[in-house]
PDB file of N, CA and C in Angstrom:
ATOM      1  N   MET A   1       0.641  -0.964  -0.425  1.00  0.00           N
ATOM      2  CA  MET A   1      -0.352  -0.391  -0.357  1.00  0.00           C
ATOM      3  C   MET A   1       0.595   1.115  -0.324  1.00  0.00           C
ATOM      4  N   ILE A   2       0.418   1.897  -0.961  1.00  0.00           N
ATOM      5  CA  ILE A   2       1.678   3.736  -0.940  1.00  0.00           C
ATOM      6  C   ILE A   2       0.487   4.205  -0.292  1.00  0.00           C
ATOM      7  N   ARG A   3       1.329   5.094   0.596  1.00  0.00           N
ATOM      8  CA  ARG A   3       0.519   6.093   1.218  1.00  0.00           C
ATOM      9  C   ARG A   3       1.114   7.261   0.612  1.00  0.00           C
ATOM     10  N   ASN A   4       0.173   8.746   0.952  1.00  0.00           N
ATOM     11  CA  ASN A   4       0.759   9.688   0.665  1.00  0.00           C
ATOM     12  C   ASN A   4       1.284  10.753   2.295  1.00  0.00           C
ATOM     13  N   LEU A   5       1.978  10.927   1.801  1.00  0.00           N
ATOM     14  CA  LEU A   5       2.954  11.800   3.089  1.00  0.00           C
ATOM     15  C   LEU A   5       2.093  13.069   3.593  1.00  0.00           C
ATOM     16  N   GLN A   6       1.050  13.330   2.752  1.00  0.00           N
ATOM     17  CA  GLN A   6       0.625  14.605   3.078  1.00  0.00           C
ATOM     18  C   GLN A   6      -0.750  13.894   4.108  1.00  0.00           C
ATOM     19  N   GLU A   7      -1.423  12.961   4.132  1.00  0.00           N
ATOM     20  CA  GLU A   7      -2.285  12.312   4.723  1.00  0.00           C
ATOM     21  C   GLU A   7      -2.104  11.933   5.970  1.00  0.00           C
ATOM     22  N   PRO A   8      -3.028  12.547   7.354  1.00  0.00           N
ATOM     23  CA  PRO A   8      -2.332  12.175   8.870  1.00  0.00           C
ATOM     24  C   PRO A   8      -2.290  10.716   8.835  1.00  0.00           C
ATOM     25  N   ALA A   9      -1.552  10.464   9.939  1.00  0.00           N
ATOM     26  CA  ALA A   9      -1.122   9.265  10.254  1.00  0.00           C
ATOM     27  C   ALA A   9      -2.793   8.754  11.141  1.00  0.00           C
ATOM     28  N   ARG A  10      -3.115   7.548  10.869  1.00  0.00           N
ATOM     29  CA  ARG A  10      -4.433   7.425  11.170  1.00  0.00           C
ATOM     30  C   ARG A  10      -4.106   6.035  11.882  1.00  0.00           C
ATOM     31  N   ARG A  11      -4.455   5.628  13.333  1.00  0.00           N
ATOM     32  CA  ARG A  11      -4.646   4.254  13.620  1.00  0.00           C
ATOM     33  C   ARG A  11      -5.757   3.853  14.246  1.00  0.00           C
ATOM     34  N   SER A  12      -6.099   2.768  14.601  1.00  0.00           N
ATOM     35  CA  SER A  12      -7.205   2.559  15.517  1.00  0.00           C
ATOM     36  C   SER A  12      -7.274   2.391  16.623  1.00  0.00           C
ATOM     37  N   LEU A  13      -8.017   2.707  17.116  1.00  0.00           N
ATOM     38  CA  LEU A  13      -8.116   2.675  19.114  1.00  0.00           C
ATOM     39  C   LEU A  13      -7.734   1.340  19.556  1.00  0.00           C
ATOM     40  N   LEU A  14      -7.989   0.304  18.604  1.00  0.00           N
ATOM     41  CA  LEU A  14      -7.885  -0.743  19.623  1.00  0.00           C
ATOM     42  C   LEU A  14      -6.529  -0.884  19.476  1.00  0.00           C
ATOM     43  N   LEU A  15      -5.871  -0.916  18.723  1.00  0.00           N
ATOM     44  CA  LEU A  15      -3.864  -0.598  18.194  1.00  0.00           C
ATOM     45  C   LEU A  15      -3.638  -0.513  19.571  1.00  0.00           C
ATOM     46  N   THR A  16      -4.034   1.165  19.484  1.00  0.00           N
ATOM     47  CA  THR A  16      -3.645   2.063  20.426  1.00  0.00           C
ATOM     48  C   THR A  16      -3.683   1.373  21.987  1.00  0.00           C
ATOM     49  N   ALA A  17      -4.547   1.138  22.229  1.00  0.00           N
ATOM     50  CA  ALA A  17      -5.640   0.334  23.361  1.00  0.00           C
ATOM     51  C   ALA A  17      -4.491  -0.651  23.743  1.00  0.00           C
ATOM     52  N   LEU A  18      -3.899  -1.302  22.966  1.00  0.00           N
ATOM     53  CA  LEU A  18      -3.557  -2.842  22.837  1.00  0.00           C
ATOM     54  C   LEU A  18      -1.959  -2.502  23.029  1.00  0.00           C
ATOM     55  N   SER A  19      -1.132  -1.331  23.054  1.00  0.00           N
ATOM     56  CA  SER A  19       0.098  -0.977  22.651  1.00  0.00           C
ATOM     57  C   SER A  19       0.007  -0.795  24.209  1.00  0.00           C
ATOM     58  N   TYR A  20      -0.931   0.229  24.507  1.00  0.00           N
ATOM     59  CA  TYR A  20      -0.607   0.308  26.095  1.00  0.00           C
ATOM     60  C   TYR A  20      -0.613  -0.508  27.303  1.00  0.00           C
ATOM     61  N   LEU A  21      -1.600  -1.358  26.992  1.00  0.00           N
ATOM     62  CA  LEU A  21      -1.701  -2.589  27.749  1.00  0.00           C
ATOM     63  C   LEU A  21      -0.461  -3.744  28.047  1.00  0.00           C
ATOM     64  N   LEU A  22       0.277  -3.533  26.896  1.00  0.00           N
ATOM     65  CA  LEU A  22       1.683  -4.084  26.574  1.00  0.00           C
ATOM     66  C   LEU A  22       2.235  -3.833  27.045  1.00  0.00           C
ATOM     67  N   VAL A  23       2.647  -2.522  27.591  1.00  0.00           N
ATOM     68  CA  VAL A  23       3.366  -1.977  27.783  1.00  0.00           C
ATOM     69  C   VAL A  23       3.119  -1.920  29.840  1.00  0.00           C
ATOM     70  N   VAL A  24       1.712  -1.799  30.018  1.00  0.00           N
ATOM     71  CA  VAL A  24       1.733  -2.384  31.763  1.00  0.00           C
ATOM     72  C   VAL A  24       1.588  -3.711  32.289  1.00  0.00           C
ATOM     73  N   ALA A  25       0.876  -4.373  30.806  1.00  0.00           N
ATOM     74  CA  ALA A  25       1.773  -6.038  31.129  1.00  0.00           C
ATOM     75  C   ALA A  25       2.980  -5.871  30.938  1.00  0.00           C
ATOM     76  N   GLY A  26       3.806  -5.649  30.615  1.00  0.00           N
ATOM     77  CA  GLY A  26       5.629  -5.791  30.698  1.00  0.00           C
ATOM     78  C   GLY A  26       6.143  -5.663  31.448  1.00  0.00           C
ATOM     79  N   ILE A  27       5.405  -3.863  32.723  1.00  0.00           N
ATOM     80  CA  ILE A  27       5.628  -3.663  33.921  1.00  0.00           C
ATOM     81  C   ILE A  27       5.645  -4.102  34.839  1.00  0.00           C
ATOM     82  N   SER A  28       3.907  -4.774  34.810  1.00  0.00           N
ATOM     83  CA  SER A  28       3.541  -5.942  35.568  1.00  0.00           C
ATOM     84  C   SER A  28       4.623  -6.999  35.877  1.00  0.00           C
ATOM     85  N   LEU A  29       4.717  -7.569  34.899  1.00  0.00           N
ATOM     86  CA  LEU A  29       5.842  -9.384  35.260  1.00  0.00           C
ATOM     87  C   LEU A  29       6.755  -8.612  35.303  1.00  0.00           C
ATOM     88  N   LEU A  30       7.456  -7.051  35.567  1.00  0.00           N
ATOM     89  CA  LEU A  30       9.225  -7.214  35.492  1.00  0.00           C
ATOM     90  C   LEU A  30       8.769  -7.360  37.203  1.00  0.00           C
ATOM     91  N   ILE A  31       7.647  -6.612  37.514  1.00  0.00           N
ATOM     92  CA  ILE A  31       7.466  -6.848  38.859  1.00  0.00           C
ATOM     93  C   ILE A  31       7.525  -8.406  39.729  1.00  0.00           C
ATOM     94  N   LEU A  32       7.231  -8.889  38.845  1.00  0.00           N
ATOM     95  CA  LEU A  32       6.851 -10.677  39.166  1.00  0.00           C
ATOM     96  C   LEU A  32       8.004 -10.773  39.166  1.00  0.00           C
ATOM     97  N   ALA A  33       8.930 -10.255  38.417  1.00  0.00           N
ATOM     98  CA  ALA A  33       9.694 -11.263  37.964  1.00  0.00           C
ATOM     99  C   ALA A  33      10.700 -12.138  38.734  1.00  0.00           C
ATOM    100  N   ASP A  34      10.713 -12.084  40.327  1.00  0.00           N
ATOM    101  CA  ASP A  34      10.876 -12.237  41.012  1.00  0.00           C
ATOM    102  C   ASP A  34      10.422 -14.071  41.591  1.00  0.00           C
ATOM    103  N   GLU A  35       9.328 -13.770  41.511  1.00  0.00           N
ATOM    104  CA  GLU A  35       8.268 -15.122  41.833  1.00  0.00           C
ATOM    105  C   GLU A  35       8.120 -16.355  40.379  1.00  0.00           C
ATOM    106  N   VAL A  36       7.735 -15.613  39.189  1.00  0.00           N
ATOM    107  CA  VAL A  36       7.758 -16.407  37.962  1.00  0.00           C
ATOM    108  C   VAL A  36       8.954 -16.311  37.459  1.00  0.00           C
ATOM    109  N   PRO A  37       9.529 -18.036  37.280  1.00  0.00           N
ATOM    110  CA  PRO A  37      10.452 -18.118  36.620  1.00  0.00           C
ATOM    111  C   PRO A  37      10.212 -17.660  34.848  1.00  0.00           C
ATOM    112  N   GLY A  38      11.053 -16.720  34.257  1.00  0.00           N
ATOM    113  CA  GLY A  38      11.220 -16.211  32.888  1.00  0.00           C
ATOM    114  C   GLY A  38      10.225 -15.195  32.950  1.00  0.00           C
ATOM    115  N   ALA A  39       9.866 -14.476  34.040  1.00  0.00           N
ATOM    116  CA  ALA A  39       8.806 -13.469  33.665  1.00  0.00           C
ATOM    117  C   ALA A  39       9.784 -12.117  33.479  1.00  0.00           C
ATOM    118  N   ALA A  40      10.625 -12.265  33.505  1.00  0.00           N
ATOM    119  CA  ALA A  40      11.674 -11.360  33.536  1.00  0.00           C
ATOM    120  C   ALA A  40      12.377 -11.140  31.640  1.00  0.00           C
ATOM    121  N   LEU A  41      12.486 -11.758  31.224  1.00  0.00           N
ATOM    122  CA  LEU A  41      12.487 -12.173  30.472  1.00  0.00           C
ATOM    123  C   LEU A  41      11.545 -11.724  29.255  1.00  0.00           C
ATOM    124  N   LEU A  42      10.341 -12.232  29.448  1.00  0.00           N
ATOM    125  CA  LEU A  42       9.274 -11.944  28.966  1.00  0.00           C
ATOM    126  C   LEU A  42       8.383 -11.124  28.941  1.00  0.00           C
ATOM    127  N   GLY A  43       8.808  -9.872  30.161  1.00  0.00           N
ATOM    128  CA  GLY A  43       8.503  -8.569  30.861  1.00  0.00           C
ATOM    129  C   GLY A  43       8.789  -7.946  29.650  1.00  0.00           C
ATOM    130  N   SER A  44      10.397  -7.930  29.834  1.00  0.00           N
ATOM    131  CA  SER A  44      11.003  -7.185  29.204  1.00  0.00           C
ATOM    132  C   SER A  44      10.920  -7.023  27.784  1.00  0.00           C
ATOM    133  N   GLY A  45      10.162  -8.041  26.993  1.00  0.00           N
ATOM    134  CA  GLY A  45      10.534  -8.205  25.636  1.00  0.00           C
ATOM    135  C   GLY A  45       8.899  -7.898  25.805  1.00  0.00           C
ATOM    136  N   VAL A  46       7.795  -7.937  26.535  1.00  0.00           N
ATOM    137  CA  VAL A  46       6.501  -7.170  26.264  1.00  0.00           C
ATOM    138  C   VAL A  46       7.046  -5.594  26.282  1.00  0.00           C
ATOM    139  N   PHE A  47       7.717  -5.204  27.776  1.00  0.00           N
ATOM    140  CA  PHE A  47       7.658  -3.602  27.432  1.00  0.00           C
ATOM    141  C   PHE A  47       8.139  -3.190  26.173  1.00  0.00           C
ATOM    142  N   LEU A  48       8.833  -3.626  26.000  1.00  0.00           N
ATOM    143  CA  LEU A  48       9.517  -3.196  24.774  1.00  0.00           C
ATOM    144  C   LEU A  48       8.609  -3.359  23.595  1.00  0.00           C
ATOM    145  N   ILE A  49       7.817  -4.203  22.977  1.00  0.00           N
ATOM    146  CA  ILE A  49       6.903  -4.114  21.912  1.00  0.00           C
ATOM    147  C   ILE A  49       6.170  -3.551  22.336  1.00  0.00           C
ATOM    148  N   GLY A  50       5.629  -2.582  23.227  1.00  0.00           N
ATOM    149  CA  GLY A  50       4.835  -2.023  23.487  1.00  0.00           C
ATOM    150  C   GLY A  50       5.364  -0.623  23.339  1.00  0.00           C
ATOM    151  N   ILE A  51       6.361  -0.021  23.958  1.00  0.00           N
ATOM    152  CA  ILE A  51       7.120   1.165  23.763  1.00  0.00           C
ATOM    153  C   ILE A  51       7.040   1.728  21.865  1.00  0.00           C
ATOM    154  N   ASN A  52       7.756   0.432  21.439  1.00  0.00           N
ATOM    155  CA  ASN A  52       7.748   0.560  20.120  1.00  0.00           C
ATOM    156  C   ASN A  52       6.265   0.961  19.642  1.00  0.00           C
ATOM    157  N   GLU A  53       5.401  -0.069  20.027  1.00  0.00           N
ATOM    158  CA  GLU A  53       4.553   0.462  18.364  1.00  0.00           C
ATOM    159  C   GLU A  53       4.263   1.784  19.100  1.00  0.00           C
ATOM    160  N   LEU A  54       4.161   2.357  20.502  1.00  0.00           N
ATOM    161  CA  LEU A  54       3.551   3.581  20.700  1.00  0.00           C
ATOM    162  C   LEU A  54       4.814   4.564  20.093  1.00  0.00           C
ATOM    163  N   CYS A  55       6.081   4.390  19.967  1.00  0.00           N
ATOM    164  CA  CYS A  55       7.289   5.268  19.127  1.00  0.00           C
ATOM    165  C   CYS A  55       6.800   5.542  17.784  1.00  0.00           C
ATOM    166  N   LEU A  56       6.467   4.698  17.196  1.00  0.00           N
ATOM    167  CA  LEU A  56       6.532   4.496  15.848  1.00  0.00           C
ATOM    168  C   LEU A  56       4.773   5.327  15.807  1.00  0.00           C
ATOM    169  N   TYR A  57       4.522   5.070  16.456  1.00  0.00           N
ATOM    170  CA  TYR A  57       2.779   5.731  16.063  1.00  0.00           C
ATOM    171  C   TYR A  57       3.347   7.400  16.493  1.00  0.00           C
ATOM    172  N   ILE A  58       3.826   7.835  16.977  1.00  0.00           N
ATOM    173  CA  ILE A  58       3.765   9.014  17.363  1.00  0.00           C
ATOM    174  C   ILE A  58       5.450   9.435  16.493  1.00  0.00           C
ATOM    175  N   ALA A  59       5.911   8.843  15.734  1.00  0.00           N
ATOM    176  CA  ALA A  59       6.858   9.519  14.835  1.00  0.00           C
ATOM    177  C   ALA A  59       6.553   9.628  13.714  1.00  0.00           C
ATOM    178  N   LYS A  60       5.384   8.394  13.408  1.00  0.00           N
ATOM    179  CA  LYS A  60       4.609   8.582  11.836  1.00  0.00           C
ATOM    180  C   LYS A  60       3.813   9.581  12.167  1.00  0.00           C
ATOM    181  N   SER A  61       2.619  10.219  13.306  1.00  0.00           N
ATOM    182  CA  SER A  61       1.495  11.249  13.573  1.00  0.00           C
ATOM    183  C   SER A  61       2.405  12.682  13.046  1.00  0.00           C
ATOM    184  N   SER A  62       3.875  12.473  13.700  1.00  0.00           N
ATOM    185  CA  SER A  62       4.529  14.196  13.946  1.00  0.00           C
ATOM    186  C   SER A  62       5.353  14.424  11.923  1.00  0.00           C
ATOM    187  N   GLU A  63       5.714  13.441  11.498  1.00  0.00           N
ATOM    188  CA  GLU A  63       5.659  13.741  10.280  1.00  0.00           C
ATOM    189  C   GLU A  63       5.301  14.848   9.788  1.00  0.00           C
ATOM    190  N   ARG A  64       6.434  15.615   9.191  1.00  0.00           N
ATOM    191  CA  ARG A  64       5.993  16.822   8.328  1.00  0.00           C
ATOM    192  C   ARG A  64       5.757  16.692   6.984  1.00  0.00           C
ATOM    193  N   PRO A  65       5.286  16.895   5.669  1.00  0.00           N
ATOM    194  CA  PRO A  65       5.419  16.572   4.683  1.00  0.00           C
ATOM    195  C   PRO A  65       5.923  17.681   3.759  1.00  0.00           C
ATOM    196  N   THR A  66       7.010  16.992   2.818  1.00  0.00           N
ATOM    197  CA  THR A  66       8.194  17.845   2.273  1.00  0.00           C
ATOM    198  C   THR A  66       7.683  17.906   0.652  1.00  0.00           C
ATOM    199  N   THR A  67       7.709  19.510   0.505  1.00  0.00           N
ATOM    200  CA  THR A  67       7.042  20.051  -0.792  1.00  0.00           C
ATOM    201  C   THR A  67       8.292  20.330  -1.716  1.00  0.00           C
ATOM    202  N   THR A  68       8.208  20.267  -2.480  1.00  0.00           N
ATOM    203  CA  THR A  68       9.722  20.490  -3.532  1.00  0.00           C
ATOM    204  C   THR A  68       9.350  21.552  -4.417  1.00  0.00           C
TER     205      THR A  68
END
């Protein structure tokens, strides 16, 4: 799919909500890391995926179209 750079970035509410849930789930898994084996690795991975999705959305929505 080819996107026009002048269009604003659109993102579904579901995807945004899932990104925030991934961040919260990652933080809570990191807190439980002492009690559950493997939770630190899983929590850090989930947290980073959530942060990556949010940063990608912010970067796409703040892009300014270049005109020549």
